[in-house]
Structures are given as structure tokens and as C-alpha cells.
Protein backbone atom coordinates (compact mmCIF):
# COMPACT_ATOMS: atom_id res chain seq x y z
CA UNK A 1 90.56 252.71 212.43
CA UNK A 2 90.07 254.72 209.25
CA UNK A 3 87.60 253.15 206.88
CA UNK A 4 87.83 253.77 203.15
CA UNK A 5 84.97 255.86 201.74
CA UNK A 6 82.21 253.39 200.84
CA UNK A 7 81.58 255.08 197.49
CA UNK A 8 85.16 254.37 196.31
CA UNK A 9 85.50 250.91 194.71
CA UNK A 10 89.03 249.91 193.81
CA UNK A 11 88.73 246.13 194.17
CA UNK A 12 85.75 244.69 192.29
CA UNK A 13 86.64 243.22 188.86
CA UNK A 14 83.56 244.79 187.28
CA UNK A 15 85.00 248.24 188.06
CA UNK A 16 88.02 247.46 185.90
CA UNK A 17 86.04 245.84 183.09
CA UNK A 18 83.67 248.80 182.89
CA UNK A 19 86.21 251.59 182.52
CA UNK A 20 89.77 250.53 183.21
CA UNK A 21 91.81 251.40 186.26
CA UNK A 22 90.02 253.49 188.94
CA UNK A 23 92.66 256.22 189.09
CA UNK A 24 90.21 258.81 190.42
CA UNK A 25 89.35 256.53 193.33
CA UNK A 26 92.99 255.83 194.14
CA UNK A 27 93.78 259.55 193.97
CA UNK A 28 91.02 260.25 196.48
CA UNK A 29 92.34 257.57 198.84
CA UNK A 30 95.89 258.94 198.59
CA UNK A 31 94.56 262.37 199.55
CA UNK A 32 91.98 261.47 202.21
CA UNK A 33 92.77 257.98 203.53
CA UNK A 34 96.08 256.60 202.25
CA UNK A 35 95.91 253.63 204.61
CA UNK A 36 92.31 252.66 205.16
CA UNK A 37 90.17 249.64 205.90
CA UNK A 38 87.95 248.21 203.16
CA UNK A 39 84.88 246.28 204.24
CA UNK A 40 83.08 245.49 200.99
CA UNK A 41 80.57 242.75 200.26
CA UNK A 42 82.13 239.79 198.50
CA UNK A 43 85.63 240.37 199.90
CA UNK A 44 87.46 239.68 203.14
CA UNK A 45 88.26 242.91 205.03
CA UNK A 46 91.62 244.40 204.12
CA UNK A 47 93.79 247.50 204.40
CA UNK A 48 94.13 249.41 201.12
CA UNK A 49 97.72 250.63 200.64
CA UNK A 50 97.81 253.34 197.97
CA UNK A 51 100.89 255.54 198.63
CA UNK A 52 104.27 254.89 197.02
CA UNK A 53 106.13 255.17 200.34
CA UNK A 54 103.79 252.71 202.03
CA UNK A 55 103.95 250.11 199.26
CA UNK A 56 107.75 250.26 199.61
CA UNK A 57 107.62 250.12 203.41
CA UNK A 58 105.42 247.03 203.57
CA UNK A 59 107.25 245.28 200.71
CA UNK A 60 110.72 245.64 202.20
CA UNK A 61 109.89 243.90 205.49
CA UNK A 62 109.12 240.32 204.40
CA UNK A 63 109.47 238.90 207.91
CA UNK A 64 106.76 241.21 209.26
CA UNK A 65 104.46 241.18 206.22
CA UNK A 66 104.15 237.75 204.67
CA UNK A 67 103.44 236.77 201.08
CA UNK A 68 101.96 233.47 202.13
CA UNK A 69 99.36 232.20 202.31
CA UNK A 70 97.34 234.88 200.47
CA UNK A 71 98.48 235.86 196.99
CA UNK A 72 96.04 238.71 196.34
CA UNK A 73 92.54 239.87 197.21
CA UNK A 74 89.96 238.04 195.12
CA UNK A 75 86.18 238.22 195.01
CA UNK A 76 84.35 235.38 196.77
CA UNK A 77 83.28 233.98 193.40
CA UNK A 78 86.95 233.51 192.40
CA UNK A 79 88.48 232.15 195.56
CA UNK A 80 88.85 228.51 196.55
CA UNK A 81 86.87 227.37 199.59
CA UNK A 82 88.46 228.05 203.00
CA UNK A 83 89.88 224.56 203.43
CA UNK A 84 91.98 225.02 200.26
CA UNK A 85 93.50 228.40 201.16
CA UNK A 86 96.97 227.66 202.42
CA UNK A 87 96.24 224.27 203.96
CA UNK A 88 97.40 220.83 202.85
CA UNK A 89 94.92 220.91 199.92
CA UNK A 90 96.09 224.25 198.58
CA UNK A 91 95.88 224.52 194.80
CA UNK A 92 99.07 226.40 193.99
CA UNK A 93 102.35 227.22 195.72
CA UNK A 94 104.83 229.36 193.86
CA UNK A 95 107.26 232.25 194.30
CA UNK A 96 104.48 234.80 194.63
CA UNK A 97 103.03 233.21 197.76
CA UNK A 98 106.23 231.82 199.26
CA UNK A 99 108.28 233.31 202.07
CA UNK A 100 111.92 232.64 202.93
CA UNK A 101 113.79 230.37 203.04
CA UNK A 102 111.67 228.61 200.39
CA UNK A 103 111.24 231.73 198.27
CA UNK A 104 114.97 232.29 197.95
CA UNK A 105 115.71 228.64 197.21
CA UNK A 106 113.06 228.31 194.52
CA UNK A 107 113.88 231.68 192.95
CA UNK A 108 117.53 230.70 192.58
CA UNK A 109 116.54 227.73 190.40
CA UNK A 110 115.44 229.93 187.49
CA UNK A 111 117.02 233.32 188.04
CA UNK A 112 120.03 232.52 185.83
CA UNK A 113 117.72 232.44 182.82
CA UNK A 114 116.62 236.04 183.38
CA UNK A 115 119.87 237.87 184.11
CA UNK A 116 120.98 240.65 181.72
CA UNK A 117 123.82 238.43 180.48
CA UNK A 118 121.52 235.53 179.67
CA UNK A 119 119.06 237.82 177.93
CA UNK A 120 121.75 239.42 175.78
CA UNK A 121 122.13 236.03 174.15
CA UNK A 122 118.38 236.03 173.46
CA UNK A 123 118.13 239.56 172.11
CA UNK A 124 118.72 238.61 168.49
CA UNK A 125 116.05 235.93 168.68
CA UNK A 126 113.57 238.34 170.29
CA UNK A 127 114.24 240.83 167.51
CA UNK A 128 113.63 238.15 164.87
CA UNK A 129 110.31 237.15 166.48
CA UNK A 130 109.17 240.77 166.75
CA UNK A 131 110.14 241.44 163.13
CA UNK A 132 108.14 238.45 161.94
CA UNK A 133 105.10 239.52 163.95
CA UNK A 134 105.19 243.01 162.43
CA UNK A 135 105.80 241.59 158.96
CA UNK A 136 102.65 239.51 159.34
CA UNK A 137 100.71 242.62 160.42
CA UNK A 138 102.13 244.91 157.73
CA UNK A 139 100.02 243.58 154.84
CA UNK A 140 102.56 244.87 152.30
CA UNK A 141 102.26 248.44 153.51
CA UNK A 142 98.48 248.74 153.13
CA UNK A 143 96.28 250.66 155.58
CA UNK A 144 94.62 247.93 157.66
CA UNK A 145 92.39 247.56 160.70
CA UNK A 146 93.34 245.07 163.38
CA UNK A 147 93.11 244.26 167.06
CA UNK A 148 96.58 245.19 168.27
CA UNK A 149 96.30 242.91 171.31
CA UNK A 150 95.69 239.65 169.46
CA UNK A 151 97.70 240.52 166.34
CA UNK A 152 100.82 241.95 168.00
CA UNK A 153 100.92 242.53 171.77
CA UNK A 154 100.04 238.98 172.80
CA UNK A 155 102.31 237.27 170.32
CA UNK A 156 105.82 238.44 171.21
CA UNK A 157 105.88 237.61 174.94
CA UNK A 158 103.99 234.36 174.33
CA UNK A 159 106.48 233.13 171.72
CA UNK A 160 109.49 234.23 173.76
CA UNK A 161 108.39 232.53 176.98
CA UNK A 162 107.40 229.44 175.01
CA UNK A 163 110.91 229.22 173.59
CA UNK A 164 112.47 229.70 177.03
CA UNK A 165 110.31 226.90 178.42
CA UNK A 166 110.67 224.69 175.35
CA UNK A 167 106.95 224.71 174.56
CA UNK A 168 106.43 223.69 170.91
CA UNK A 169 104.92 226.33 168.62
CA UNK A 170 101.88 224.12 168.02
CA UNK A 171 101.00 224.37 171.74
CA UNK A 172 101.33 228.15 172.14
CA UNK A 173 97.63 228.83 171.54
CA UNK A 174 96.68 226.27 174.20
CA UNK A 175 98.90 227.98 176.78
CA UNK A 176 97.43 231.35 175.80
CA UNK A 177 93.86 230.07 176.09
CA UNK A 178 94.44 228.53 179.52
CA UNK A 179 96.22 231.66 180.72
CA UNK A 180 93.37 233.92 179.56
CA UNK A 181 90.83 231.61 181.16
CA UNK A 182 92.64 231.66 184.50
CA UNK A 183 93.46 235.37 184.71
CA UNK A 184 90.15 236.40 183.12
CA UNK A 185 87.83 234.13 185.07
CA UNK A 186 85.66 237.13 186.08
CA UNK A 187 85.42 238.29 182.47
CA UNK A 188 82.51 236.87 180.45
CA UNK A 189 84.69 236.64 177.33
CA UNK A 190 87.39 234.47 178.88
CA UNK A 191 85.53 232.47 181.52
CA UNK A 192 84.98 228.88 180.42
CA UNK A 193 81.44 228.41 179.17
CA UNK A 194 79.03 227.15 181.79
CA UNK A 195 81.48 227.49 184.69
CA UNK A 196 81.59 229.85 187.65
CA UNK A 197 84.62 232.14 187.95
CA UNK A 198 86.08 229.86 190.60
CA UNK A 199 85.58 226.70 188.56
CA UNK A 200 86.85 228.34 185.39
CA UNK A 201 90.04 229.39 187.16
CA UNK A 202 90.50 225.91 188.62
CA UNK A 203 89.91 224.28 185.23
CA UNK A 204 92.55 226.52 183.65
CA UNK A 205 95.03 225.68 186.39
CA UNK A 206 94.38 221.95 185.97
CA UNK A 207 94.88 222.32 182.23
CA UNK A 208 98.24 224.05 182.70
CA UNK A 209 99.32 221.48 185.29
CA UNK A 210 98.36 218.56 183.04
CA UNK A 211 100.21 220.06 180.09
CA UNK A 212 103.42 220.78 181.99
CA UNK A 213 103.32 217.46 183.86
CA UNK A 214 103.56 215.71 180.49
CA UNK A 215 106.34 218.07 179.36
CA UNK A 216 108.25 217.43 182.60
CA UNK A 217 108.16 213.68 182.04
CA UNK A 218 109.45 214.15 178.51
CA UNK A 219 112.31 216.38 179.69
CA UNK A 220 113.26 213.93 182.42
CA UNK A 221 113.68 211.29 179.74
CA UNK A 222 115.38 213.61 177.25
CA UNK A 223 116.64 216.92 178.72
CA UNK A 224 117.14 219.87 176.40
CA UNK A 225 118.56 223.37 176.69
CA UNK A 226 115.39 224.92 178.11
CA UNK A 227 114.02 226.02 181.46
CA UNK A 228 111.59 223.10 181.63
CA UNK A 229 114.54 220.68 181.64
CA UNK A 230 116.23 222.69 184.41
CA UNK A 231 113.19 222.67 186.68
CA UNK A 232 112.15 219.10 185.84
CA UNK A 233 115.55 217.80 186.92
CA UNK A 234 116.28 220.27 189.73
CA UNK A 235 116.87 219.16 193.30
CA UNK A 236 116.51 220.95 196.60
CA UNK A 237 118.11 219.36 199.65
CA UNK A 238 118.90 216.36 197.49
CA UNK A 239 115.28 215.75 196.50
CA UNK A 240 113.32 216.50 193.32
CA UNK A 241 110.90 219.40 193.57
CA UNK A 242 107.54 218.39 195.05
CA UNK A 243 104.88 218.03 192.37
CA UNK A 244 102.75 220.98 193.53
CA UNK A 245 105.68 223.40 193.70
CA UNK A 246 107.11 222.16 190.39
CA UNK A 247 103.89 222.51 188.41
CA UNK A 248 103.08 225.82 190.14
CA UNK A 249 106.44 227.13 188.92
CA UNK A 250 105.42 226.45 185.33
CA UNK A 251 102.02 228.01 185.88
CA UNK A 252 103.68 231.18 187.16
CA UNK A 253 106.23 231.46 184.35
CA UNK A 254 103.76 230.61 181.58
CA UNK A 255 101.18 233.15 182.76
CA UNK A 256 103.35 235.94 184.19
CA UNK A 257 105.83 235.55 181.36
CA UNK A 258 103.40 236.86 178.80
CA UNK A 259 100.22 238.30 180.38
CA UNK A 260 101.89 241.30 182.00
CA UNK A 261 104.14 242.17 179.06
CA UNK A 262 101.23 241.81 176.68
CA UNK A 263 99.22 244.28 178.75
CA UNK A 264 102.12 246.71 179.00
CA UNK A 265 102.55 246.58 175.22
CA UNK A 266 98.88 247.20 174.44
CA UNK A 267 98.56 249.80 177.20
CA UNK A 268 101.70 251.52 175.98
CA UNK A 269 100.40 251.87 172.44
CA UNK A 270 97.05 253.09 173.79
CA UNK A 271 98.97 255.75 175.75
CA UNK A 272 100.68 256.85 172.55
CA UNK A 273 97.31 257.06 170.77
CA UNK A 274 96.12 259.38 173.56
CA UNK A 275 99.37 261.37 173.56
CA UNK A 276 100.45 261.66 169.90
CA UNK A 277 103.06 264.30 170.74
CA UNK A 278 104.87 261.66 172.83
CA UNK A 279 104.72 259.23 169.92
CA UNK A 280 106.33 261.81 167.65
CA UNK A 281 108.96 262.50 170.30
CA UNK A 282 109.90 258.81 170.43
CA UNK A 283 109.93 258.50 166.64
CA UNK A 284 112.19 261.53 166.41
CA UNK A 285 114.67 260.26 168.99
CA UNK A 286 115.11 256.45 169.11
CA UNK A 287 117.45 256.93 172.07
CA UNK A 288 114.37 257.61 174.20
CA UNK A 289 113.21 254.00 173.98
CA UNK A 290 114.68 253.06 177.38
CA UNK A 291 113.02 255.84 179.42
CA UNK A 292 109.90 255.40 177.26
CA UNK A 293 109.65 251.75 178.30
CA UNK A 294 109.97 252.69 181.97
CA UNK A 295 107.20 255.25 181.52
CA UNK A 296 105.02 252.68 179.75
CA UNK A 297 105.49 250.27 182.64
CA UNK A 298 104.75 253.00 185.20
CA UNK A 299 101.68 254.10 183.27
CA UNK A 300 100.20 250.64 182.64
CA UNK A 301 101.22 248.83 185.86
CA UNK A 302 99.81 245.47 184.67
CA UNK A 303 99.93 243.85 188.12
CA UNK A 304 97.24 245.70 190.03
CA UNK A 305 97.67 244.27 193.50
CA UNK A 306 99.33 241.71 195.70
CA UNK A 307 98.47 240.99 199.32
CA UNK A 308 100.58 240.81 202.46
CA UNK A 309 99.56 239.34 205.81
CA UNK A 310 100.80 241.03 208.99
CA UNK A 311 102.82 238.66 211.16
CA UNK A 312 102.66 241.01 214.17
CA UNK A 313 100.90 244.12 215.41
CA UNK A 314 102.21 247.23 213.63
CA UNK A 315 101.48 250.96 213.60
CA UNK A 316 101.64 252.92 210.36
CA UNK A 317 100.22 256.38 209.63
CA UNK A 318 98.51 256.28 213.01
CA UNK A 319 96.63 253.10 212.15
CA UNK A 320 96.85 249.96 214.27
CA UNK A 321 97.36 246.93 212.04
CA UNK A 322 96.83 243.65 213.87
CA UNK A 323 98.64 240.36 213.34
CA UNK A 324 96.68 238.43 210.73
CA UNK A 325 95.33 241.55 209.01
CA UNK A 326 95.55 241.58 205.22
CA UNK A 327 97.13 244.50 203.37
CA UNK A 328 96.51 244.99 199.64
CA UNK A 329 99.28 246.89 197.84
CA UNK A 330 97.95 248.82 194.83
CA UNK A 331 100.87 249.32 192.43
CA UNK A 332 99.11 251.51 189.83
CA UNK A 333 98.15 253.91 192.63
CA UNK A 334 101.73 254.06 193.93
CA UNK A 335 102.88 254.82 190.39
CA UNK A 336 100.68 257.93 190.23
CA UNK A 337 101.72 259.32 193.62
CA UNK A 338 102.36 263.06 193.11
CA UNK A 339 104.79 263.11 196.04
CA UNK A 340 107.14 260.95 193.96
CA UNK A 341 106.25 261.70 190.33
CA UNK A 342 105.92 265.33 189.17
CA UNK A 343 102.93 265.55 186.83
CA UNK A 344 102.08 261.99 187.81
CA UNK A 345 99.00 261.89 185.56
CA UNK A 346 101.00 262.96 182.50
CA UNK A 347 102.48 260.35 180.15
CA UNK A 348 106.02 261.49 179.32
CA UNK A 349 108.52 259.31 177.46
CA UNK A 350 111.53 261.27 178.72
CA UNK A 351 110.60 261.00 182.40
CA UNK A 352 113.74 260.59 184.49
CA UNK A 353 114.14 259.53 187.19
CA UNK A 354 111.25 257.08 187.19
CA UNK A 355 111.18 255.06 190.42
CA UNK A 356 107.97 253.19 189.59
CA UNK A 357 106.98 250.05 191.48
CA UNK A 358 105.35 248.16 188.62
CA UNK A 359 107.82 245.30 189.03
CA UNK A 360 107.54 245.35 192.81
CA UNK A 361 110.37 246.03 195.21
CA UNK A 362 112.37 244.04 197.72
CA UNK A 363 112.85 240.28 197.72
CA UNK A 364 109.83 239.70 195.53
CA UNK A 365 110.97 242.03 192.75
CA UNK A 366 109.74 240.52 189.48
CA UNK A 367 111.97 237.66 188.33
CA UNK A 368 111.21 238.45 184.68
CA UNK A 369 111.63 242.24 184.82
CA UNK A 370 114.74 242.20 182.61
CA UNK A 371 112.97 240.07 180.00
CA UNK A 372 109.88 242.29 180.00
CA UNK A 373 111.99 245.42 179.56
CA UNK A 374 113.93 243.87 176.69
CA UNK A 375 110.78 242.74 174.87
CA UNK A 376 109.19 246.16 175.28
CA UNK A 377 112.31 247.96 174.06
CA UNK A 378 112.52 245.75 170.99
CA UNK A 379 108.85 246.09 170.13
CA UNK A 380 108.54 249.85 170.59
CA UNK A 381 111.80 250.53 168.79
CA UNK A 382 110.52 248.57 165.80
CA UNK A 383 107.10 250.19 165.97
CA UNK A 384 108.67 253.65 166.00
CA UNK A 385 110.71 252.73 162.93
CA UNK A 386 107.92 251.11 160.91
CA UNK A 387 104.58 252.72 161.79
CA UNK A 388 103.61 255.32 159.19
CA UNK A 389 99.92 255.80 160.08
CA UNK A 390 98.39 255.14 163.51
CA UNK A 391 94.86 255.91 164.64
CA UNK A 392 92.19 254.30 166.84
CA UNK A 393 89.45 252.27 165.14
CA UNK A 394 87.29 252.05 168.24
CA UNK A 395 87.47 252.30 172.04
CA UNK A 396 89.71 249.95 174.00
CA UNK A 397 88.04 247.13 175.93
CA UNK A 398 89.31 246.37 179.42
CA UNK A 399 89.72 243.04 181.17
CA UNK A 400 87.39 242.51 184.13
CA UNK A 401 90.12 241.74 186.65
CA UNK A 402 91.40 243.52 189.74
CA UNK A 403 94.52 241.33 189.90
CA UNK A 404 96.31 241.42 186.53
CA UNK A 405 94.75 244.15 184.43
CA UNK A 406 94.90 245.73 181.06
CA UNK A 407 93.34 246.19 177.66
CA UNK A 408 91.97 242.99 176.14
CA UNK A 409 91.09 244.53 172.74
CA UNK A 410 92.64 247.59 171.10
CA UNK A 411 91.15 248.20 167.63
CA UNK A 412 93.25 250.46 165.45
CA UNK A 413 94.08 251.40 161.88
CA UNK A 414 97.69 251.49 160.85
CA UNK A 415 100.08 251.42 157.99
CA UNK A 416 103.50 249.80 158.46
CA UNK A 417 106.52 250.00 156.26
CA UNK A 418 106.57 246.61 154.51
CA UNK A 419 109.15 244.02 155.36
CA UNK A 420 112.57 244.44 153.86
CA UNK A 421 114.34 241.55 152.22
């Protein structure tokens, strides 16, 4: 059994909060121990999977490597007690920790809302929301300082997913606050005051469940043309969705529907600040927006890791993985694998092909990938058209999370072309 070097930490949230993604550590593991055992205080033992080929291999065999019951690898301070991990008292059950046949059945309930055809009907509305957000940030063409995350990056995906779900505009900030509190429970800024990371995460989940339980009851009385009405009135095998699975579905869509795209947007602009020649290339050729978005997603990889549990004994790269062993798939590491990506550590908006794994692969490929791509294309096309001056106003601040990661504050100075009539 190959053990990961003890001086390489790729799992503790404080590592991410202190300096962003540990790309140097992942690079070392890919070179020296691409499939290695991590035994680190505060975490259950697990196999670190860092190579692109291995992430694909484990992901495309869902019968041998299960999504349930473990969603990801969390620090002891974040995780529920043992009796609530996968047993009858489990706190959440959603697509991300379901296996077939349940995964397929539950995914089918919402997938029609995220197909390219369905999203084409939304594109005009997404453009209108993005235009309004940039108009608000333009300040009549003056040079201004702002936090790009709170002023721009967080707003578009939040408003779009709220409209899809039918969440009233007055409640958007509540959903954002609960989402930040849940995802950022290890981060001092987002953890609920006076609570431990575990209790803060649980409180956020209860808040989301309470909110959507009330919305479900309203939509059962008066259905509308929104996804909440579809799920609230859906049936599987002739029965309404169980309460836990129904409310977990909303928790997943509300959080994943904006957290990851927000982080890709802010991380993408940070990449352009670090690579101004790529920014000028995009501004000079708007047709590059599609490959640029794929490169932004590869570069930022907002979902850091998911876990799989071996259902049987398996050999891979000469390592003996036992039934019950946990494997942690590190997507940002796979996306910098030099065997797949020439100049993997170079940000290049015209990179093609770009077989990144930021949206996953196999049966659990991200349900909202088409929506995320559309939002990113709209936002970066408009930014390329309207930004006249762009420069950092301070260093980025990173979220202390080893699950969903990214920049939580991006201070910058910019000048936008003012809104047109």
C-alpha cells in the first residue's frame, strides 16, 4: 500500500483558505504517488485519486464504486455523527449520494429543465439579468472599486436558479446566506456565529429545508410554471416523493445551481487578471467565448472532490483497494494532468480540445452543466464587450473549503461602458 507523503496536505479546509488550491501538492502526487492512501488526523482514511485517467476509470463504473452513502471527504468537525451517516437518520439524500436505480429515477424528474432546448428559451432572460447586473455595477462609466464576487459573480447564477425554482426575488438573499453558511461552515466568515462547523452546516440545511417545505405546500395548492411545482407534485411508483428526498433535491439545486457557477465566474476573471494577454485575446475575438468558458471551468474546477466507496476488492496501479475503502476523486488535479493537457498549468482561452472533468463524467455528470456554460458564456461575452479598465485592487481571498472551493472576495477596479438605452 502506497501512502501519500505526509507533508502533502490536499484535504484540510485551512489549506484552501490560506492560499487557494494546492496545485503543487497535487502535481507531486501525480508524479510520485498517483493513487495513494491518506491517513491524516481529523479524517477517515481514504485513497487520493489525482490522475485524469483514474478519475475517469472510477467514475465510469458506478456498480463497483458507489456514490452512496458518502458524498465527499469532510473533516471530523463538519461531519454528522456516525449514526447519521447513511442510516435511517441521515440528514440528506440527493442525486449526489444516490446510486441506481434511484439516481436515474430522481434525475429524470428535473433533467428536462436543463436540456439545451429548454435553456435556449431561457437565454434571453439570462442575458437581461446579466445586463442589469452590469448596469448596476457600471456607475455611469466611472472608475470604481468593488468586490466582483458579491457585486457580479454571485448575482447572475443566484437570480437564474431562483427564477427556475420560482423563488421570489425578496427571498434570494436568504437562499444565498443559507448556502454560504452550509458550504462555508469551516470558514470563519460564513460559519454561523457561536456554532461549530457541524452545527452551522446543519442549521443551514434546516433553514433551506424549512424554506422549501413552505414553498412546496404553496405549489401543491397553486402550481406554477417552475421546477418547484414539478418536484412538489411529482410521483415515483405512484407515490409522492418522500419528504427527505424532496427537500434534499431543493437543497442540491439551490446550492449547486449558483455556488459553483459563482466560483467559476470569479475564478475566471481572476485568471484573466493574471493573464492579461488572454483577456485581450478574448476581447479581440468574441468567437473565442465558448472555448474560453471551457478553459475557465477547467482552470477553476469549483467542485474539488467527491467520494466513491468500493463495493468489491479491486486492483488499480498495483494498489489493492478493498471493499468498503473510500476513494476521493480530486477534479482540479485531474484537470492539470500533463498527460492530457499540454501546458496544463497555462491558462489559454483557445485551448482545444479540452476534455476537462470539472462537471464530472459518467452517470453523475453535472445535471446543470448546460446552464452553467450558458451563464458563463453570457457573462464573459458581456464583460469582454463592456470592460474598458480592469485591474486588481487587492489580493483574492479564498474560501476555507476542500469540497466546493473558490474565491470568496475579489477586489478590483474597473470601468465599464455605461448602459445603453
